[in-house]
Amino acid sequence: MKLIQTVDVEGTVLCHDITQIIKGVTKDAVFCKGHVVTREDIPVLLSVGKDQLYVWEKEDGMLHENDAAKILCGMCKGQNMERSQAREGKIELTAACDGLLKGDNRGRTAVNGFGQMMIATRHGNFAGKKGDKLAGTRIIPLVIEEEKMEAAKKGGRRGHRGMSHPGAETIFT
């Protein structure tokens, strides 16, 4: 982490949530940990009293949580699945059509065993409808080692292959 002046934060990644408090009106995060700051965000940050901020310093061999979540998602996403945007290290997968989700827990268990990351899925043989949530991926720390993500890819092998049309089989290997 590095402390810098708010006027200089464009393009950096926030290391903590920024909360706005307006007495009697709101107390909520205006920006979440991991947010990449844009030029338009700077006046908002200044208006909530943030003259300086802690930001993430890009380091070789380390991935931001959202980039790492995309790797997990790639291991899980089948042809008939849609993914959410990466947010706070999370991506959800939903069914793009009606179908059958079949799975083998070995890959998911291997990935979840690495720590600092997880994949959660519906149980195998789930008959799903278009729009059903099927899986979620999560990177727990703000940054994670690229090496750990490569090991997870190998450990989970090809991972969860997603939602299929009824009668077809997709296997989590």
Protein backbone atom coordinates (compact mmCIF):
# COMPACT_ATOMS: atom_id res chain seq x y z
CA MET A 1 0.00 0.00 0.00
CA LYS A 2 1.01 3.53 -0.63
CA LEU A 3 -0.45 6.79 0.74
CA ILE A 4 -0.92 9.42 -1.98
CA GLN A 5 -2.73 12.72 -2.50
CA THR A 6 -6.29 12.26 -3.74
CA VAL A 7 -5.72 14.61 -6.67
CA ASP A 8 -3.12 12.08 -7.94
CA VAL A 9 -5.13 8.83 -7.56
CA GLU A 10 -6.55 8.46 -11.08
CA GLY A 11 -5.95 4.92 -12.32
CA THR A 12 -4.98 3.54 -8.92
CA VAL A 13 -6.77 0.85 -6.90
CA LEU A 14 -8.32 1.67 -3.51
CA CYS A 15 -7.12 -0.45 -0.59
CA HIS A 16 -10.23 0.18 1.53
CA ASP A 17 -13.88 1.17 1.30
CA ILE A 18 -14.69 4.88 1.23
CA THR A 19 -17.81 5.68 3.26
CA GLN A 20 -19.95 8.76 2.88
CA ILE A 21 -21.89 9.90 5.93
CA ILE A 22 -24.66 12.49 5.61
CA LYS A 23 -26.35 12.75 8.99
CA GLY A 24 -29.93 11.51 8.82
CA VAL A 25 -29.63 10.70 5.11
CA THR A 26 -26.99 8.08 4.36
CA LYS A 27 -24.07 6.12 5.67
CA ASP A 28 -22.84 3.95 2.82
CA ALA A 29 -19.76 3.08 0.81
CA VAL A 30 -19.40 5.38 -2.18
CA PHE A 31 -16.42 3.34 -3.37
CA CYS A 32 -15.45 -0.19 -2.41
CA LYS A 33 -12.03 -1.66 -1.75
CA GLY A 34 -10.52 -2.64 -5.09
CA HIS A 35 -12.22 0.15 -7.07
CA VAL A 36 -10.08 1.59 -9.88
CA VAL A 37 -10.31 5.37 -9.48
CA THR A 38 -11.37 7.45 -12.50
CA ARG A 39 -10.93 11.18 -13.05
CA GLU A 40 -14.66 11.63 -12.34
CA ASP A 41 -14.23 9.95 -8.92
CA ILE A 42 -11.71 12.50 -7.61
CA PRO A 43 -14.24 15.30 -6.80
CA VAL A 44 -16.45 12.75 -4.99
CA LEU A 45 -13.48 11.54 -2.93
CA LEU A 46 -12.55 15.11 -2.04
CA SER A 47 -16.17 15.91 -1.12
CA VAL A 48 -16.18 13.10 1.49
CA GLY A 49 -13.06 14.56 3.07
CA LYS A 50 -10.43 12.28 1.55
CA ASP A 51 -7.37 14.43 0.86
CA GLN A 52 -5.10 11.36 0.91
CA LEU A 53 -5.79 7.71 0.17
CA TYR A 54 -4.11 4.35 0.51
CA VAL A 55 -3.81 2.73 -2.90
CA TRP A 56 -2.45 -0.57 -4.11
CA GLU A 57 0.97 -0.52 -5.71
CA LYS A 58 1.23 -2.90 -8.66
CA GLU A 59 3.86 -5.48 -7.89
CA ASP A 60 5.27 -8.08 -10.29
CA GLY A 61 3.85 -11.51 -9.61
CA MET A 62 0.73 -10.18 -7.84
CA LEU A 63 -2.81 -9.95 -9.22
CA HIS A 64 -5.64 -7.66 -8.21
CA GLU A 65 -8.62 -9.58 -6.74
CA ASN A 66 -10.84 -8.87 -9.77
CA ASP A 67 -8.22 -10.12 -12.23
CA ALA A 68 -7.74 -13.28 -10.16
CA ALA A 69 -11.52 -13.77 -9.94
CA LYS A 70 -11.61 -13.74 -13.74
CA ILE A 71 -9.16 -16.65 -13.73
CA LEU A 72 -11.40 -18.65 -11.39
CA CYS A 73 -14.41 -17.75 -13.52
CA GLY A 74 -12.60 -19.00 -16.62
CA MET A 75 -12.11 -22.34 -14.88
CA CYS A 76 -15.84 -22.56 -14.16
CA LYS A 77 -17.70 -20.88 -16.98
CA GLY A 78 -19.37 -23.24 -19.39
CA GLN A 79 -20.70 -22.41 -22.82
CA ASN A 80 -24.24 -21.89 -21.54
CA MET A 81 -23.39 -19.67 -18.60
CA GLU A 82 -23.32 -15.92 -18.24
CA ARG A 83 -21.03 -14.13 -15.83
CA SER A 84 -21.45 -11.02 -13.75
CA GLN A 85 -18.89 -8.26 -13.71
CA ALA A 86 -16.01 -8.79 -11.31
CA ARG A 87 -16.66 -6.80 -8.13
CA GLU A 88 -14.70 -7.00 -4.90
CA GLY A 89 -13.06 -10.21 -6.12
CA LYS A 90 -16.41 -11.91 -6.83
CA ILE A 91 -18.03 -13.19 -10.01
CA GLU A 92 -21.37 -15.01 -10.22
CA LEU A 93 -22.33 -17.42 -12.98
CA THR A 94 -25.93 -17.84 -14.07
CA ALA A 95 -27.66 -20.16 -16.54
CA ALA A 96 -28.01 -18.73 -20.04
CA CYS A 97 -30.66 -21.37 -20.85
CA ASP A 98 -32.61 -24.18 -19.24
CA GLY A 99 -30.44 -27.23 -18.70
CA LEU A 100 -28.73 -29.71 -16.45
CA LEU A 101 -25.70 -28.97 -14.32
CA LYS A 102 -23.60 -32.06 -13.66
CA GLY A 103 -20.46 -31.97 -11.65
CA ASP A 104 -17.55 -33.74 -10.06
CA ASN A 105 -16.48 -32.06 -6.82
CA ARG A 106 -12.79 -32.98 -7.08
CA GLY A 107 -11.74 -29.86 -9.01
CA ARG A 108 -13.73 -27.48 -6.83
CA THR A 109 -12.39 -29.12 -3.67
CA ALA A 110 -8.83 -28.83 -4.98
CA VAL A 111 -9.21 -25.12 -5.75
CA ASN A 112 -10.91 -24.39 -2.43
CA GLY A 113 -8.05 -26.17 -0.66
CA PHE A 114 -5.55 -23.52 -1.79
CA GLY A 115 -6.96 -20.92 0.60
CA GLN A 116 -7.53 -17.24 -0.23
CA MET A 117 -9.93 -18.29 -3.01
CA MET A 118 -13.10 -20.28 -3.40
CA ILE A 119 -15.59 -21.65 -5.86
CA ALA A 120 -19.13 -22.42 -4.73
CA THR A 121 -21.58 -24.27 -7.00
CA ARG A 122 -24.99 -25.81 -6.95
CA HIS A 123 -25.02 -29.54 -6.35
CA GLY A 124 -24.50 -31.80 -9.35
CA ASN A 125 -27.53 -33.00 -11.32
CA PHE A 126 -29.18 -29.62 -10.80
CA ALA A 127 -31.95 -29.04 -13.34
CA GLY A 128 -31.78 -25.31 -13.80
CA LYS A 129 -33.74 -22.62 -15.55
CA LYS A 130 -32.42 -19.67 -17.48
CA GLY A 131 -31.26 -17.04 -14.99
CA ASP A 132 -30.62 -19.46 -12.09
CA LYS A 133 -27.44 -18.80 -10.13
CA LEU A 134 -25.12 -21.76 -10.68
CA ALA A 135 -21.76 -20.80 -9.22
CA GLY A 136 -19.77 -18.06 -7.59
CA THR A 137 -16.05 -17.39 -7.44
CA ARG A 138 -14.28 -15.32 -4.81
CA ILE A 139 -10.76 -14.12 -4.15
CA ILE A 140 -10.48 -13.20 -0.48
CA PRO A 141 -7.47 -10.81 -0.28
CA LEU A 142 -7.18 -7.59 -2.31
CA VAL A 143 -4.14 -9.05 -4.08
CA ILE A 144 -3.00 -12.62 -4.61
CA GLU A 145 0.10 -14.26 -6.02
CA GLU A 146 -0.04 -15.11 -9.74
CA GLU A 147 1.81 -18.30 -8.85
CA LYS A 148 -1.04 -19.35 -6.54
CA MET A 149 -3.58 -18.82 -9.32
CA GLU A 150 -1.50 -20.93 -11.72
CA ALA A 151 -1.31 -23.70 -9.13
CA ALA A 152 -5.09 -23.50 -8.65
CA LYS A 153 -5.61 -23.86 -12.40
CA LYS A 154 -3.47 -26.98 -12.40
CA GLY A 155 -5.01 -28.33 -9.21
CA GLY A 156 -8.55 -27.77 -10.42
CA ARG A 157 -7.60 -29.00 -13.87
CA ARG A 158 -10.21 -27.72 -16.30
CA GLY A 159 -12.68 -27.00 -13.53
CA HIS A 160 -16.42 -26.73 -13.70
CA ARG A 161 -17.63 -26.79 -17.29
CA GLY A 162 -21.01 -25.27 -16.77
CA MET A 163 -24.63 -25.43 -17.83
CA SER A 164 -25.56 -27.73 -20.66
CA HIS A 165 -28.69 -28.24 -22.68
CA PRO A 166 -31.00 -30.86 -21.16
CA GLY A 167 -29.63 -34.37 -21.50
CA ALA A 168 -26.04 -33.30 -22.25
CA GLU A 169 -23.42 -33.90 -19.60
CA THR A 170 -20.90 -31.39 -18.32
CA ILE A 171 -18.39 -32.59 -15.78
CA PHE A 172 -16.47 -30.71 -13.10
CA THR A 173 -13.03 -32.33 -13.33
